[in-house]
PDB file of N, CA and C in Angstrom:
ATOM      1  N   UNK A   1      13.620  16.704  23.270  1.00  0.00           N
ATOM      2  CA  UNK A   1      13.400  16.230  21.783  1.00  0.00           C
ATOM      3  C   UNK A   1      12.616  17.419  21.641  1.00  0.00           C
ATOM      4  N   UNK A   2      12.235  17.153  20.269  1.00  0.00           N
ATOM      5  CA  UNK A   2      11.426  18.064  19.705  1.00  0.00           C
ATOM      6  C   UNK A   2       9.771  17.543  19.147  1.00  0.00           C
ATOM      7  N   UNK A   3       9.609  18.169  19.015  1.00  0.00           N
ATOM      8  CA  UNK A   3       7.591  18.265  18.609  1.00  0.00           C
ATOM      9  C   UNK A   3       7.904  17.272  16.992  1.00  0.00           C
ATOM     10  N   UNK A   4       8.768  17.855  15.980  1.00  0.00           N
ATOM     11  CA  UNK A   4       9.054  17.394  15.149  1.00  0.00           C
ATOM     12  C   UNK A   4      10.057  15.880  15.116  1.00  0.00           C
ATOM     13  N   UNK A   5      10.968  16.020  15.857  1.00  0.00           N
ATOM     14  CA  UNK A   5      12.236  14.991  15.967  1.00  0.00           C
ATOM     15  C   UNK A   5      10.980  13.265  16.532  1.00  0.00           C
ATOM     16  N   UNK A   6       9.604  14.352  17.620  1.00  0.00           N
ATOM     17  CA  UNK A   6       9.241  13.004  17.803  1.00  0.00           C
ATOM     18  C   UNK A   6       8.405  12.326  16.883  1.00  0.00           C
ATOM     19  N   UNK A   7       7.994  13.131  16.592  1.00  0.00           N
ATOM     20  CA  UNK A   7       6.753  12.854  14.753  1.00  0.00           C
ATOM     21  C   UNK A   7       7.237  12.201  14.050  1.00  0.00           C
ATOM     22  N   UNK A   8       8.432  12.216  13.612  1.00  0.00           N
ATOM     23  CA  UNK A   8       9.641  11.667  13.005  1.00  0.00           C
ATOM     24  C   UNK A   8       9.716  10.038  13.061  1.00  0.00           C
ATOM     25  N   UNK A   9       9.592  10.248  14.392  1.00  0.00           N
ATOM     26  CA  UNK A   9      10.341   8.713  15.011  1.00  0.00           C
ATOM     27  C   UNK A   9       8.873   8.175  15.299  1.00  0.00           C
ATOM     28  N   UNK A  10       7.627   8.420  15.293  1.00  0.00           N
ATOM     29  CA  UNK A  10       6.476   7.557  15.456  1.00  0.00           C
ATOM     30  C   UNK A  10       6.546   7.325  13.970  1.00  0.00           C
ATOM     31  N   UNK A  11       6.386   8.184  13.217  1.00  0.00           N
ATOM     32  CA  UNK A  11       6.046   7.848  11.648  1.00  0.00           C
ATOM     33  C   UNK A  11       7.330   6.661  10.789  1.00  0.00           C
ATOM     34  N   UNK A  12       8.642   6.475  11.373  1.00  0.00           N
ATOM     35  CA  UNK A  12       9.478   5.647  11.284  1.00  0.00           C
ATOM     36  C   UNK A  12       9.483   4.322  12.014  1.00  0.00           C
ATOM     37  N   UNK A  13       8.635   4.613  12.911  1.00  0.00           N
ATOM     38  CA  UNK A  13       8.477   3.373  14.097  1.00  0.00           C
ATOM     39  C   UNK A  13       7.505   2.717  13.302  1.00  0.00           C
ATOM     40  N   UNK A  14       6.246   3.304  12.578  1.00  0.00           N
ATOM     41  CA  UNK A  14       4.769   2.994  12.039  1.00  0.00           C
ATOM     42  C   UNK A  14       5.924   2.119  10.973  1.00  0.00           C
ATOM     43  N   UNK A  15       6.424   3.030   9.971  1.00  0.00           N
ATOM     44  CA  UNK A  15       6.572   2.591   8.802  1.00  0.00           C
ATOM     45  C   UNK A  15       7.729   1.026   8.916  1.00  0.00           C
ATOM     46  N   UNK A  16       8.116   0.981  10.262  1.00  0.00           N
ATOM     47  CA  UNK A  16       9.202  -0.253  10.259  1.00  0.00           C
ATOM     48  C   UNK A  16       8.187  -1.514  10.406  1.00  0.00           C
ATOM     49  N   UNK A  17       7.366  -1.094  11.610  1.00  0.00           N
ATOM     50  CA  UNK A  17       5.964  -2.102  12.071  1.00  0.00           C
ATOM     51  C   UNK A  17       5.435  -3.109  10.975  1.00  0.00           C
ATOM     52  N   UNK A  18       4.933  -2.063  10.049  1.00  0.00           N
ATOM     53  CA  UNK A  18       4.567  -2.327   8.843  1.00  0.00           C
ATOM     54  C   UNK A  18       5.101  -3.109   7.807  1.00  0.00           C
ATOM     55  N   UNK A  19       6.240  -3.064   7.838  1.00  0.00           N
ATOM     56  CA  UNK A  19       7.386  -3.614   6.992  1.00  0.00           C
ATOM     57  C   UNK A  19       7.519  -5.015   7.238  1.00  0.00           C
ATOM     58  N   UNK A  20       7.651  -4.886   8.786  1.00  0.00           N
ATOM     59  CA  UNK A  20       7.709  -6.136   9.243  1.00  0.00           C
ATOM     60  C   UNK A  20       6.396  -6.784   9.121  1.00  0.00           C
ATOM     61  N   UNK A  21       5.030  -6.186   8.812  1.00  0.00           N
ATOM     62  CA  UNK A  21       3.901  -7.155   9.001  1.00  0.00           C
ATOM     63  C   UNK A  21       4.156  -7.666   7.737  1.00  0.00           C
ATOM     64  N   UNK A  22       4.293  -7.070   6.518  1.00  0.00           N
ATOM     65  CA  UNK A  22       4.239  -7.499   4.864  1.00  0.00           C
ATOM     66  C   UNK A  22       4.829  -8.342   4.762  1.00  0.00           C
ATOM     67  N   UNK A  23       6.863  -8.736   5.493  1.00  0.00           N
ATOM     68  CA  UNK A  23       7.183  -9.639   5.203  1.00  0.00           C
ATOM     69  C   UNK A  23       6.741 -10.868   5.836  1.00  0.00           C
ATOM     70  N   UNK A  24       6.287 -10.738   6.879  1.00  0.00           N
ATOM     71  CA  UNK A  24       5.943 -12.156   8.137  1.00  0.00           C
ATOM     72  C   UNK A  24       4.620 -11.921   7.082  1.00  0.00           C
ATOM     73  N   UNK A  25       3.740 -11.426   6.368  1.00  0.00           N
ATOM     74  CA  UNK A  25       2.382 -11.673   5.783  1.00  0.00           C
ATOM     75  C   UNK A  25       2.397 -12.346   4.506  1.00  0.00           C
ATOM     76  N   UNK A  26       3.911 -11.808   3.768  1.00  0.00           N
ATOM     77  CA  UNK A  26       4.424 -12.646   2.672  1.00  0.00           C
ATOM     78  C   UNK A  26       4.721 -14.304   2.603  1.00  0.00           C
ATOM     79  N   UNK A  27       5.412 -14.318   3.932  1.00  0.00           N
ATOM     80  CA  UNK A  27       6.070 -15.112   4.488  1.00  0.00           C
ATOM     81  C   UNK A  27       5.216 -16.552   4.659  1.00  0.00           C
ATOM     82  N   UNK A  28       4.085 -16.416   5.104  1.00  0.00           N
ATOM     83  CA  UNK A  28       3.004 -17.089   5.469  1.00  0.00           C
ATOM     84  C   UNK A  28       2.206 -16.893   4.372  1.00  0.00           C
ATOM     85  N   UNK A  29       2.037 -16.235   3.892  1.00  0.00           N
ATOM     86  CA  UNK A  29       1.104 -16.415   2.473  1.00  0.00           C
ATOM     87  C   UNK A  29       2.212 -17.667   1.454  1.00  0.00           C
ATOM     88  N   UNK A  30       3.431 -17.961   1.528  1.00  0.00           N
ATOM     89  CA  UNK A  30       4.186 -18.742   0.501  1.00  0.00           C
ATOM     90  C   UNK A  30       4.321 -19.867   1.081  1.00  0.00           C
ATOM     91  N   UNK A  31       3.624 -20.486   2.143  1.00  0.00           N
ATOM     92  CA  UNK A  31       3.572 -21.298   2.647  1.00  0.00           C
ATOM     93  C   UNK A  31       2.546 -22.376   2.781  1.00  0.00           C
ATOM     94  N   UNK A  32       1.061 -21.076   2.464  1.00  0.00           N
ATOM     95  CA  UNK A  32      -0.413 -21.744   2.134  1.00  0.00           C
ATOM     96  C   UNK A  32      -0.360 -21.708   0.543  1.00  0.00           C
ATOM     97  N   UNK A  33      -1.229 -22.732   0.259  1.00  0.00           N
ATOM     98  CA  UNK A  33      -1.882 -23.666  -1.296  1.00  0.00           C
ATOM     99  C   UNK A  33      -2.393 -22.186  -1.667  1.00  0.00           C
ATOM    100  N   UNK A  34      -2.331 -21.822  -2.942  1.00  0.00           N
ATOM    101  CA  UNK A  34      -3.251 -20.449  -3.482  1.00  0.00           C
ATOM    102  C   UNK A  34      -4.714 -20.847  -2.920  1.00  0.00           C
ATOM    103  N   UNK A  35      -5.329 -21.759  -2.631  1.00  0.00           N
ATOM    104  CA  UNK A  35      -6.872 -21.779  -2.631  1.00  0.00           C
ATOM    105  C   UNK A  35      -6.960 -21.125  -1.504  1.00  0.00           C
ATOM    106  N   UNK A  36      -6.163 -21.313  -0.166  1.00  0.00           N
ATOM    107  CA  UNK A  36      -6.686 -20.740   1.348  1.00  0.00           C
ATOM    108  C   UNK A  36      -6.539 -19.122   1.127  1.00  0.00           C
ATOM    109  N   UNK A  37      -6.035 -18.742   0.248  1.00  0.00           N
ATOM    110  CA  UNK A  37      -5.660 -17.148  -0.187  1.00  0.00           C
ATOM    111  C   UNK A  37      -6.885 -16.330  -0.524  1.00  0.00           C
ATOM    112  N   UNK A  38      -7.166 -15.812   0.397  1.00  0.00           N
ATOM    113  CA  UNK A  38      -8.824 -14.741  -0.376  1.00  0.00           C
ATOM    114  C   UNK A  38      -8.553 -13.747  -1.072  1.00  0.00           C
ATOM    115  N   UNK A  39      -8.531 -13.396  -1.956  1.00  0.00           N
ATOM    116  CA  UNK A  39      -8.990 -11.787  -2.111  1.00  0.00           C
ATOM    117  C   UNK A  39      -9.237 -10.917  -1.124  1.00  0.00           C
ATOM    118  N   UNK A  40      -8.565  -9.484  -1.494  1.00  0.00           N
ATOM    119  CA  UNK A  40      -9.852  -8.443  -0.509  1.00  0.00           C
ATOM    120  C   UNK A  40     -10.826  -8.408  -0.825  1.00  0.00           C
ATOM    121  N   UNK A  41     -12.001  -7.967  -0.199  1.00  0.00           N
ATOM    122  CA  UNK A  41     -13.197  -7.335  -0.965  1.00  0.00           C
ATOM    123  C   UNK A  41     -13.101  -5.680  -2.036  1.00  0.00           C
ATOM    124  N   UNK A  42     -13.804  -5.935  -3.232  1.00  0.00           N
ATOM    125  CA  UNK A  42     -13.327  -4.548  -3.713  1.00  0.00           C
ATOM    126  C   UNK A  42     -14.666  -3.602  -3.184  1.00  0.00           C
ATOM    127  N   UNK A  43     -14.367  -2.333  -2.567  1.00  0.00           N
ATOM    128  CA  UNK A  43     -15.105  -1.507  -2.263  1.00  0.00           C
ATOM    129  C   UNK A  43     -15.528  -0.930  -3.503  1.00  0.00           C
ATOM    130  N   UNK A  44     -14.689  -0.312  -4.412  1.00  0.00           N
ATOM    131  CA  UNK A  44     -15.156  -0.151  -5.570  1.00  0.00           C
ATOM    132  C   UNK A  44     -15.191  -0.533  -6.665  1.00  0.00           C
ATOM    133  N   UNK A  45     -16.253  -1.313  -7.915  1.00  0.00           N
ATOM    134  CA  UNK A  45     -16.098  -2.164  -9.072  1.00  0.00           C
ATOM    135  C   UNK A  45     -15.635  -0.929 -10.666  1.00  0.00           C
ATOM    136  N   UNK A  46     -13.827  -1.801 -10.446  1.00  0.00           N
ATOM    137  CA  UNK A  46     -13.614  -1.371 -11.814  1.00  0.00           C
ATOM    138  C   UNK A  46     -13.219  -2.762 -12.343  1.00  0.00           C
ATOM    139  N   UNK A  47     -13.055  -1.991 -13.624  1.00  0.00           N
ATOM    140  CA  UNK A  47     -12.515  -2.545 -14.775  1.00  0.00           C
ATOM    141  C   UNK A  47     -10.899  -2.888 -14.578  1.00  0.00           C
ATOM    142  N   UNK A  48     -10.100  -4.086 -14.306  1.00  0.00           N
ATOM    143  CA  UNK A  48      -9.164  -3.803 -14.139  1.00  0.00           C
ATOM    144  C   UNK A  48      -8.449  -3.233 -15.405  1.00  0.00           C
ATOM    145  N   UNK A  49      -6.922  -2.987 -14.599  1.00  0.00           N
ATOM    146  CA  UNK A  49      -6.821  -2.099 -16.246  1.00  0.00           C
ATOM    147  C   UNK A  49      -4.988  -2.113 -15.810  1.00  0.00           C
ATOM    148  N   UNK A  50      -4.284  -2.345 -16.547  1.00  0.00           N
ATOM    149  CA  UNK A  50      -2.503  -2.045 -16.737  1.00  0.00           C
ATOM    150  C   UNK A  50      -2.029  -0.757 -15.821  1.00  0.00           C
ATOM    151  N   UNK A  51      -1.528  -1.178 -14.703  1.00  0.00           N
ATOM    152  CA  UNK A  51      -0.618   0.029 -13.381  1.00  0.00           C
ATOM    153  C   UNK A  51       0.665   0.673 -14.862  1.00  0.00           C
ATOM    154  N   UNK A  52       0.592   1.376 -14.556  1.00  0.00           N
ATOM    155  CA  UNK A  52       1.886   1.867 -15.638  1.00  0.00           C
ATOM    156  C   UNK A  52       3.139   3.270 -15.054  1.00  0.00           C
ATOM    157  N   UNK A  53       3.762   3.713 -15.563  1.00  0.00           N
ATOM    158  CA  UNK A  53       4.735   3.947 -14.925  1.00  0.00           C
ATOM    159  C   UNK A  53       4.392   5.613 -14.966  1.00  0.00           C
ATOM    160  N   UNK A  54       3.504   6.073 -15.806  1.00  0.00           N
ATOM    161  CA  UNK A  54       2.914   6.756 -16.272  1.00  0.00           C
ATOM    162  C   UNK A  54       1.979   7.549 -15.429  1.00  0.00           C
ATOM    163  N   UNK A  55       1.136   6.606 -14.697  1.00  0.00           N
ATOM    164  CA  UNK A  55       0.314   6.664 -13.610  1.00  0.00           C
ATOM    165  C   UNK A  55       1.017   7.041 -12.312  1.00  0.00           C
ATOM    166  N   UNK A  56       1.546   6.160 -11.702  1.00  0.00           N
ATOM    167  CA  UNK A  56       2.887   6.192 -10.886  1.00  0.00           C
ATOM    168  C   UNK A  56       3.358   7.437 -10.342  1.00  0.00           C
ATOM    169  N   UNK A  57       3.758   8.191 -11.817  1.00  0.00           N
ATOM    170  CA  UNK A  57       4.362   9.610 -11.741  1.00  0.00           C
ATOM    171  C   UNK A  57       3.817  10.835 -10.813  1.00  0.00           C
ATOM    172  N   UNK A  58       2.569  10.434 -11.534  1.00  0.00           N
ATOM    173  CA  UNK A  58       1.137  11.334 -11.406  1.00  0.00           C
ATOM    174  C   UNK A  58       0.836  11.568  -9.748  1.00  0.00           C
ATOM    175  N   UNK A  59       1.164  10.020  -8.951  1.00  0.00           N
ATOM    176  CA  UNK A  59       0.334  10.004  -7.674  1.00  0.00           C
ATOM    177  C   UNK A  59       1.590  10.995  -6.888  1.00  0.00           C
ATOM    178  N   UNK A  60       1.028  11.999  -6.002  1.00  0.00           N
ATOM    179  CA  UNK A  60       1.425  12.861  -4.703  1.00  0.00           C
ATOM    180  C   UNK A  60       1.515  12.720  -3.591  1.00  0.00           C
ATOM    181  N   UNK A  61       2.952  12.705  -2.796  1.00  0.00           N
ATOM    182  CA  UNK A  61       2.192  12.683  -1.503  1.00  0.00           C
ATOM    183  C   UNK A  61       1.256  13.366  -1.152  1.00  0.00           C
ATOM    184  N   UNK A  62       0.069  13.055   0.206  1.00  0.00           N
ATOM    185  CA  UNK A  62      -1.026  13.397   0.829  1.00  0.00           C
ATOM    186  C   UNK A  62      -2.265  13.259  -0.022  1.00  0.00           C
ATOM    187  N   UNK A  63      -1.771  12.575  -0.995  1.00  0.00           N
ATOM    188  CA  UNK A  63      -3.077  11.948  -2.021  1.00  0.00           C
ATOM    189  C   UNK A  63      -3.904  10.917  -1.078  1.00  0.00           C
ATOM    190  N   UNK A  64      -5.150  10.836  -0.909  1.00  0.00           N
ATOM    191  CA  UNK A  64      -6.235   9.986  -0.455  1.00  0.00           C
ATOM    192  C   UNK A  64      -6.001   8.487  -1.404  1.00  0.00           C
ATOM    193  N   UNK A  65      -6.550   7.332  -1.167  1.00  0.00           N
ATOM    194  CA  UNK A  65      -6.814   5.646  -1.070  1.00  0.00           C
ATOM    195  C   UNK A  65      -7.590   6.387  -2.352  1.00  0.00           C
ATOM    196  N   UNK A  66      -9.000   6.615  -1.994  1.00  0.00           N
ATOM    197  CA  UNK A  66      -9.698   7.047  -3.076  1.00  0.00           C
ATOM    198  C   UNK A  66      -9.710   7.711  -4.784  1.00  0.00           C
ATOM    199  N   UNK A  67      -8.430   8.467  -4.317  1.00  0.00           N
ATOM    200  CA  UNK A  67      -7.902   9.421  -5.753  1.00  0.00           C
ATOM    201  C   UNK A  67      -6.832   8.414  -6.174  1.00  0.00           C
ATOM    202  N   UNK A  68      -6.189   7.771  -5.488  1.00  0.00           N
ATOM    203  CA  UNK A  68      -5.221   6.750  -6.118  1.00  0.00           C
ATOM    204  C   UNK A  68      -6.059   5.905  -6.836  1.00  0.00           C
ATOM    205  N   UNK A  69      -7.226   4.802  -6.818  1.00  0.00           N
ATOM    206  CA  UNK A  69      -7.890   4.049  -6.913  1.00  0.00           C
ATOM    207  C   UNK A  69      -8.387   4.272  -8.321  1.00  0.00           C
ATOM    208  N   UNK A  70      -9.113   5.778  -8.135  1.00  0.00           N
ATOM    209  CA  UNK A  70      -9.453   6.457  -9.587  1.00  0.00           C
ATOM    210  C   UNK A  70      -8.532   6.519 -10.406  1.00  0.00           C
ATOM    211  N   UNK A  71      -7.283   7.147 -10.498  1.00  0.00           N
ATOM    212  CA  UNK A  71      -6.196   7.348 -11.195  1.00  0.00           C
ATOM    213  C   UNK A  71      -5.655   6.574 -11.303  1.00  0.00           C
ATOM    214  N   UNK A  72      -5.988   4.890 -10.995  1.00  0.00           N
ATOM    215  CA  UNK A  72      -5.228   3.469 -11.548  1.00  0.00           C
ATOM    216  C   UNK A  72      -6.483   2.682 -11.823  1.00  0.00           C
ATOM    217  N   UNK A  73      -7.386   3.265 -12.189  1.00  0.00           N
ATOM    218  CA  UNK A  73      -8.938   2.600 -12.709  1.00  0.00           C
ATOM    219  C   UNK A  73      -9.083   1.568 -11.800  1.00  0.00           C
ATOM    220  N   UNK A  74      -8.267   0.945 -10.541  1.00  0.00           N
ATOM    221  CA  UNK A  74      -9.133  -0.301  -9.736  1.00  0.00           C
ATOM    222  C   UNK A  74      -8.489   0.263  -8.700  1.00  0.00           C
ATOM    223  N   UNK A  75      -9.041  -0.740  -7.682  1.00  0.00           N
ATOM    224  CA  UNK A  75      -9.045  -0.776  -5.859  1.00  0.00           C
ATOM    225  C   UNK A  75      -7.431  -1.782  -5.938  1.00  0.00           C
ATOM    226  N   UNK A  76      -6.792  -1.343  -4.877  1.00  0.00           N
ATOM    227  CA  UNK A  76      -5.055  -2.301  -4.596  1.00  0.00           C
ATOM    228  C   UNK A  76      -5.573  -3.092  -3.773  1.00  0.00           C
ATOM    229  N   UNK A  77      -4.619  -4.097  -3.890  1.00  0.00           N
ATOM    230  CA  UNK A  77      -4.830  -5.453  -2.515  1.00  0.00           C
ATOM    231  C   UNK A  77      -4.137  -4.446  -0.755  1.00  0.00           C
ATOM    232  N   UNK A  78      -4.848  -4.397   0.277  1.00  0.00           N
ATOM    233  CA  UNK A  78      -4.721  -3.862   1.069  1.00  0.00           C
ATOM    234  C   UNK A  78      -3.317  -5.184   1.650  1.00  0.00           C
ATOM    235  N   UNK A  79      -2.128  -4.846   1.716  1.00  0.00           N
ATOM    236  CA  UNK A  79      -1.483  -5.833   2.453  1.00  0.00           C
ATOM    237  C   UNK A  79      -1.489  -6.080   4.345  1.00  0.00           C
ATOM    238  N   UNK A  80      -1.373  -4.543   4.540  1.00  0.00           N
ATOM    239  CA  UNK A  80      -1.582  -4.629   5.835  1.00  0.00           C
ATOM    240  C   UNK A  80      -1.825  -3.494   6.804  1.00  0.00           C
ATOM    241  N   UNK A  81      -2.238  -3.256   7.692  1.00  0.00           N
ATOM    242  CA  UNK A  81      -2.488  -2.400   8.605  1.00  0.00           C
ATOM    243  C   UNK A  81      -2.116  -2.352   9.797  1.00  0.00           C
ATOM    244  N   UNK A  82      -2.061  -1.034  10.635  1.00  0.00           N
ATOM    245  CA  UNK A  82      -1.488  -1.184  11.986  1.00  0.00           C
ATOM    246  C   UNK A  82      -1.859  -0.020  12.493  1.00  0.00           C
ATOM    247  N   UNK A  83      -2.088   0.617  13.687  1.00  0.00           N
ATOM    248  CA  UNK A  83      -2.326   1.497  14.750  1.00  0.00           C
ATOM    249  C   UNK A  83      -1.305   1.596  15.340  1.00  0.00           C
ATOM    250  N   UNK A  84      -0.184   2.256  15.754  1.00  0.00           N
ATOM    251  CA  UNK A  84       0.692   2.478  16.123  1.00  0.00           C
ATOM    252  C   UNK A  84       0.604   3.789  16.953  1.00  0.00           C
ATOM    253  N   UNK A  85       0.731   4.559  18.319  1.00  0.00           N
ATOM    254  CA  UNK A  85       0.898   5.330  18.461  1.00  0.00           C
ATOM    255  C   UNK A  85      -0.084   7.006  18.388  1.00  0.00           C
ATOM    256  N   UNK A  86      -0.953   6.033  17.768  1.00  0.00           N
ATOM    257  CA  UNK A  86      -2.080   7.389  17.754  1.00  0.00           C
ATOM    258  C   UNK A  86      -2.186   7.393  15.804  1.00  0.00           C
ATOM    259  N   UNK A  87      -1.384   6.548  15.473  1.00  0.00           N
ATOM    260  CA  UNK A  87      -1.060   7.001  13.817  1.00  0.00           C
ATOM    261  C   UNK A  87      -1.993   5.428  12.982  1.00  0.00           C
ATOM    262  N   UNK A  88      -2.651   5.566  12.010  1.00  0.00           N
ATOM    263  CA  UNK A  88      -2.921   4.521  11.443  1.00  0.00           C
ATOM    264  C   UNK A  88      -2.278   4.343  10.218  1.00  0.00           C
ATOM    265  N   UNK A  89      -1.826   3.169   9.739  1.00  0.00           N
ATOM    266  CA  UNK A  89      -0.927   2.639   8.709  1.00  0.00           C
ATOM    267  C   UNK A  89      -1.472   1.979   7.741  1.00  0.00           C
ATOM    268  N   UNK A  90      -1.522   1.899   6.109  1.00  0.00           N
ATOM    269  CA  UNK A  90      -1.926   0.795   5.598  1.00  0.00           C
ATOM    270  C   UNK A  90      -1.234   1.039   4.495  1.00  0.00           C
ATOM    271  N   UNK A  91      -0.867  -0.505   3.775  1.00  0.00           N
ATOM    272  CA  UNK A  91      -0.447   0.030   2.572  1.00  0.00           C
ATOM    273  C   UNK A  91      -1.278  -1.565   1.595  1.00  0.00           C
ATOM    274  N   UNK A  92      -1.105  -0.432   0.380  1.00  0.00           N
ATOM    275  CA  UNK A  92      -1.933  -1.469  -0.303  1.00  0.00           C
ATOM    276  C   UNK A  92      -1.295  -1.503  -1.478  1.00  0.00           C
ATOM    277  N   UNK A  93      -1.105  -2.922  -2.296  1.00  0.00           N
ATOM    278  CA  UNK A  93      -0.257  -2.964  -3.689  1.00  0.00           C
ATOM    279  C   UNK A  93      -1.297  -3.318  -4.641  1.00  0.00           C
ATOM    280  N   UNK A  94      -0.777  -2.956  -6.316  1.00  0.00           N
ATOM    281  CA  UNK A  94      -1.356  -2.620  -7.431  1.00  0.00           C
ATOM    282  C   UNK A  94      -0.573  -3.683  -8.299  1.00  0.00           C
ATOM    283  N   UNK A  95      -0.817  -4.771  -8.484  1.00  0.00           N
ATOM    284  CA  UNK A  95      -0.067  -5.445  -9.530  1.00  0.00           C
ATOM    285  C   UNK A  95      -0.504  -5.654 -10.825  1.00  0.00           C
ATOM    286  N   UNK A  96       0.121  -5.789 -11.568  1.00  0.00           N
ATOM    287  CA  UNK A  96      -0.153  -6.288 -13.453  1.00  0.00           C
ATOM    288  C   UNK A  96      -0.241  -7.880 -13.112  1.00  0.00           C
ATOM    289  N   UNK A  97      -0.498  -8.050 -14.036  1.00  0.00           N
ATOM    290  CA  UNK A  97      -0.379 -10.185 -14.841  1.00  0.00           C
ATOM    291  C   UNK A  97       1.131 -10.234 -14.764  1.00  0.00           C
ATOM    292  N   UNK A  98       2.026  -9.199 -15.223  1.00  0.00           N
ATOM    293  CA  UNK A  98       3.178  -9.575 -15.428  1.00  0.00           C
ATOM    294  C   UNK A  98       4.287  -9.578 -14.420  1.00  0.00           C
ATOM    295  N   UNK A  99       3.396  -9.196 -13.020  1.00  0.00           N
ATOM    296  CA  UNK A  99       4.044  -9.509 -11.706  1.00  0.00           C
ATOM    297  C   UNK A  99       4.782  -7.841 -11.566  1.00  0.00           C
ATOM    298  N   UNK A 100       4.925  -6.340 -12.221  1.00  0.00           N
ATOM    299  CA  UNK A 100       5.125  -5.722 -11.965  1.00  0.00           C
ATOM    300  C   UNK A 100       3.891  -4.990 -10.873  1.00  0.00           C
ATOM    301  N   UNK A 101       4.619  -4.183 -10.563  1.00  0.00           N
ATOM    302  CA  UNK A 101       3.446  -3.386  -9.402  1.00  0.00           C
ATOM    303  C   UNK A 101       4.064  -1.977  -8.619  1.00  0.00           C
ATOM    304  N   UNK A 102       2.787  -1.708  -8.072  1.00  0.00           N
ATOM    305  CA  UNK A 102       2.930  -1.013  -7.428  1.00  0.00           C
ATOM    306  C   UNK A 102       2.344  -0.107  -5.559  1.00  0.00           C
ATOM    307  N   UNK A 103       2.740  -0.282  -5.199  1.00  0.00           N
ATOM    308  CA  UNK A 103       2.825  -0.009  -3.878  1.00  0.00           C
ATOM    309  C   UNK A 103       2.921   1.261  -2.846  1.00  0.00           C
ATOM    310  N   UNK A 104       1.781   1.547  -2.353  1.00  0.00           N
ATOM    311  CA  UNK A 104       1.593   2.890  -1.441  1.00  0.00           C
ATOM    312  C   UNK A 104       1.357   2.575  -0.082  1.00  0.00           C
ATOM    313  N   UNK A 105       1.918   3.590   0.793  1.00  0.00           N
ATOM    314  CA  UNK A 105       1.425   3.336   2.091  1.00  0.00           C
ATOM    315  C   UNK A 105       0.813   4.688   2.505  1.00  0.00           C
ATOM    316  N   UNK A 106      -0.152   4.388   3.499  1.00  0.00           N
ATOM    317  CA  UNK A 106      -1.030   5.617   3.881  1.00  0.00           C
ATOM    318  C   UNK A 106      -1.018   5.634   5.414  1.00  0.00           C
ATOM    319  N   UNK A 107      -0.442   6.827   5.820  1.00  0.00           N
ATOM    320  CA  UNK A 107      -0.955   7.364   7.234  1.00  0.00           C
ATOM    321  C   UNK A 107      -2.150   8.667   7.876  1.00  0.00           C
ATOM    322  N   UNK A 108      -2.876   7.802   7.965  1.00  0.00           N
ATOM    323  CA  UNK A 108      -3.951   8.705   8.500  1.00  0.00           C
ATOM    324  C   UNK A 108      -4.780   9.117   7.672  1.00  0.00           C
ATOM    325  N   UNK A 109      -5.116   8.141   6.253  1.00  0.00           N
ATOM    326  CA  UNK A 109      -5.444   7.916   4.961  1.00  0.00           C
ATOM    327  C   UNK A 109      -4.979   9.510   4.331  1.00  0.00           C
ATOM    328  N   UNK A 110      -3.269   9.604   3.775  1.00  0.00           N
ATOM    329  CA  UNK A 110      -2.924  10.473   3.068  1.00  0.00           C
ATOM    330  C   UNK A 110      -1.796   9.223   2.797  1.00  0.00           C
ATOM    331  N   UNK A 111      -1.607   9.518   1.558  1.00  0.00           N
ATOM    332  CA  UNK A 111      -0.470   9.008   0.926  1.00  0.00           C
ATOM    333  C   UNK A 111       1.402   9.648   1.934  1.00  0.00           C
ATOM    334  N   UNK A 112       2.142   8.798   2.424  1.00  0.00           N
ATOM    335  CA  UNK A 112       2.915   9.415   3.089  1.00  0.00           C
ATOM    336  C   UNK A 112       4.285   8.380   1.898  1.00  0.00           C
ATOM    337  N   UNK A 113       4.314   7.522   1.417  1.00  0.00           N
ATOM    338  CA  UNK A 113       5.051   6.610   0.466  1.00  0.00           C
ATOM    339  C   UNK A 113       4.469   5.877  -0.816  1.00  0.00           C
ATOM    340  N   UNK A 114       5.472   5.434  -1.694  1.00  0.00           N
ATOM    341  CA  UNK A 114       4.840   4.855  -2.727  1.00  0.00           C
ATOM    342  C   UNK A 114       6.599   4.661  -3.644  1.00  0.00           C
ATOM    343  N   UNK A 115       6.223   2.935  -3.660  1.00  0.00           N
ATOM    344  CA  UNK A 115       7.237   2.289  -4.631  1.00  0.00           C
ATOM    345  C   UNK A 115       6.899   1.789  -5.699  1.00  0.00           C
ATOM    346  N   UNK A 116       7.318   1.065  -6.418  1.00  0.00           N
ATOM    347  CA  UNK A 116       7.193   0.346  -7.605  1.00  0.00           C
ATOM    348  C   UNK A 116       8.271  -0.773  -8.109  1.00  0.00           C
ATOM    349  N   UNK A 117       7.764  -1.427  -8.831  1.00  0.00           N
ATOM    350  CA  UNK A 117       8.736  -2.007  -9.749  1.00  0.00           C
ATOM    351  C   UNK A 117       8.389  -3.080 -11.082  1.00  0.00           C
ATOM    352  N   UNK A 118       8.757  -2.767 -12.002  1.00  0.00           N
ATOM    353  CA  UNK A 118       8.926  -3.048 -13.243  1.00  0.00           C
ATOM    354  C   UNK A 118       7.803  -2.620 -14.132  1.00  0.00           C
ATOM    355  N   UNK A 119       7.747  -1.194 -13.787  1.00  0.00           N
ATOM    356  CA  UNK A 119       6.198  -0.708 -14.455  1.00  0.00           C
ATOM    357  C   UNK A 119       7.103   0.112 -15.598  1.00  0.00           C
ATOM    358  N   UNK A 120       5.842  -0.001 -16.838  1.00  0.00           N
ATOM    359  CA  UNK A 120       6.881   0.846 -17.779  1.00  0.00           C
ATOM    360  C   UNK A 120       5.256   1.517 -18.202  1.00  0.00           C
TER     361      UNK A 120
END
């Protein structure tokens, strides 16, 4: 197996593990009363703003969390965090009042994947 294949295998394994953690977290939160779900502390205080499809399209692989939070005008909510095979993977979500949202996955501090639902 080549070094590139090993790296891809580690990245895919990390992504799969993180996705499983997200699903488990969503299932756990769905069964708890809303009062028990505590919001994540905000590292940077910014005014809430609507996340748009135009902003989403400006986000590129390799960007840092801080750069994306500045672009979007607010911090995201951390959905999951894992450290597997020497790779630190974190997933954040930015959600609008109408439940449209975007997710961003960072590995070792750099964006490796993004997804959106319902942004306009």
